[in-house]
Amino acid sequence: MHLSDTEDFAIQAKVAGLLGAEIYDDLFDSVSFAEVDQDVLLAYVNDAGKADDIESMYCFEISAAAETVLKRKIELVMVLPRALVH
């Protein structure tokens, strides 16, 4: 299921609220939450290093925000560099 812009922005806003502006602005500046496949949320970011950091350090907060917005269970968050997708 591809996420709408509204769902993407809502998840971003909730994550920013959970993490605070400093962390969010540093790591999540180019993130987009793009789709859900079963219980996996896929997100894309411009920088591969940031993708690794986001996925390893903040998957719990992202899944909690996404579950609230999408009203469905998210078991796994995968953050991929955009270079691998396009």
Protein backbone atom coordinates (compact mmCIF):
# COMPACT_ATOMS: atom_id res chain seq x y z
CA MET A 1 0.00 0.00 0.00
CA HIS A 2 1.52 3.30 -1.08
CA LEU A 3 1.11 6.03 1.48
CA SER A 4 -0.52 9.32 0.61
CA ASP A 5 1.34 12.58 1.13
CA THR A 6 -0.96 13.25 4.07
CA GLU A 7 -0.03 9.93 5.72
CA ASP A 8 3.67 10.54 5.03
CA PHE A 9 3.58 14.03 6.53
CA ALA A 10 1.52 12.87 9.52
CA ILE A 11 4.07 10.17 10.34
CA GLN A 12 6.88 12.70 9.94
CA ALA A 13 5.12 15.10 12.32
CA LYS A 14 4.57 12.40 14.94
CA VAL A 15 8.18 11.21 14.71
CA ALA A 16 9.39 14.81 15.07
CA GLY A 17 7.21 15.20 18.15
CA LEU A 18 8.61 12.03 19.69
CA LEU A 19 12.28 12.73 18.94
CA GLY A 20 12.44 16.50 19.20
CA ALA A 21 13.45 19.05 16.60
CA GLU A 22 17.23 18.73 16.94
CA ILE A 23 17.38 14.97 16.27
CA TYR A 24 14.63 15.09 13.66
CA ASP A 25 16.20 17.95 11.72
CA ASP A 26 19.63 16.31 11.81
CA LEU A 27 18.65 12.83 10.60
CA PHE A 28 15.22 13.01 9.02
CA ASP A 29 15.60 16.02 6.72
CA SER A 30 15.10 14.01 3.51
CA VAL A 31 12.99 11.11 4.78
CA SER A 32 9.77 10.02 3.14
CA PHE A 33 7.55 7.24 4.40
CA ALA A 34 6.45 5.64 1.16
CA GLU A 35 4.63 2.36 1.57
CA VAL A 36 3.53 -0.50 3.78
CA ASP A 37 3.92 -4.10 2.65
CA GLN A 38 2.03 -6.35 5.08
CA ASP A 39 3.50 -5.18 8.41
CA VAL A 40 6.68 -3.56 7.01
CA LEU A 41 6.99 0.21 6.64
CA LEU A 42 9.35 1.35 3.90
CA ALA A 43 11.01 4.74 4.13
CA TYR A 44 13.52 6.42 1.85
CA VAL A 45 16.24 8.93 2.67
CA ASN A 46 18.93 10.60 0.54
CA ASP A 47 21.96 9.59 2.62
CA ALA A 48 22.92 5.92 3.15
CA GLY A 49 24.59 6.69 6.48
CA LYS A 50 21.47 8.39 7.75
CA ALA A 51 19.39 5.44 6.55
CA ASP A 52 21.44 3.09 8.72
CA ASP A 53 21.29 5.41 11.74
CA ILE A 54 17.55 5.97 11.46
CA GLU A 55 16.78 2.28 11.05
CA SER A 56 19.04 1.12 13.88
CA MET A 57 18.27 3.84 16.44
CA TYR A 58 14.69 5.00 15.86
CA CYS A 59 12.66 2.10 14.42
CA PHE A 60 10.56 1.83 17.60
CA GLU A 61 9.54 5.49 17.51
CA ILE A 62 8.83 5.34 13.78
CA SER A 63 6.70 2.22 14.08
CA ALA A 64 4.75 3.74 16.99
CA ALA A 65 4.08 6.92 14.99
CA ALA A 66 3.10 4.95 11.89
CA GLU A 67 0.77 2.66 13.82
CA THR A 68 -1.02 5.70 15.23
CA VAL A 69 -1.44 7.33 11.82
CA LEU A 70 -2.19 4.22 9.77
CA LYS A 71 -4.16 2.39 12.46
CA ARG A 72 -2.40 -0.90 11.72
CA LYS A 73 0.45 -2.90 13.22
CA ILE A 74 3.97 -2.15 11.98
CA GLU A 75 6.45 -4.87 12.93
CA LEU A 76 9.47 -3.72 10.93
CA VAL A 77 10.76 -0.41 9.59
CA MET A 78 13.14 -0.51 6.64
CA VAL A 79 14.94 2.71 5.74
CA LEU A 80 16.61 2.61 2.34
CA PRO A 81 18.82 5.11 0.53
CA ARG A 82 16.98 6.61 -2.44
CA ALA A 83 19.94 5.72 -4.68
CA LEU A 84 19.05 2.04 -4.29
CA VAL A 85 15.42 2.60 -5.18
CA HIS A 86 15.54 4.78 -8.29
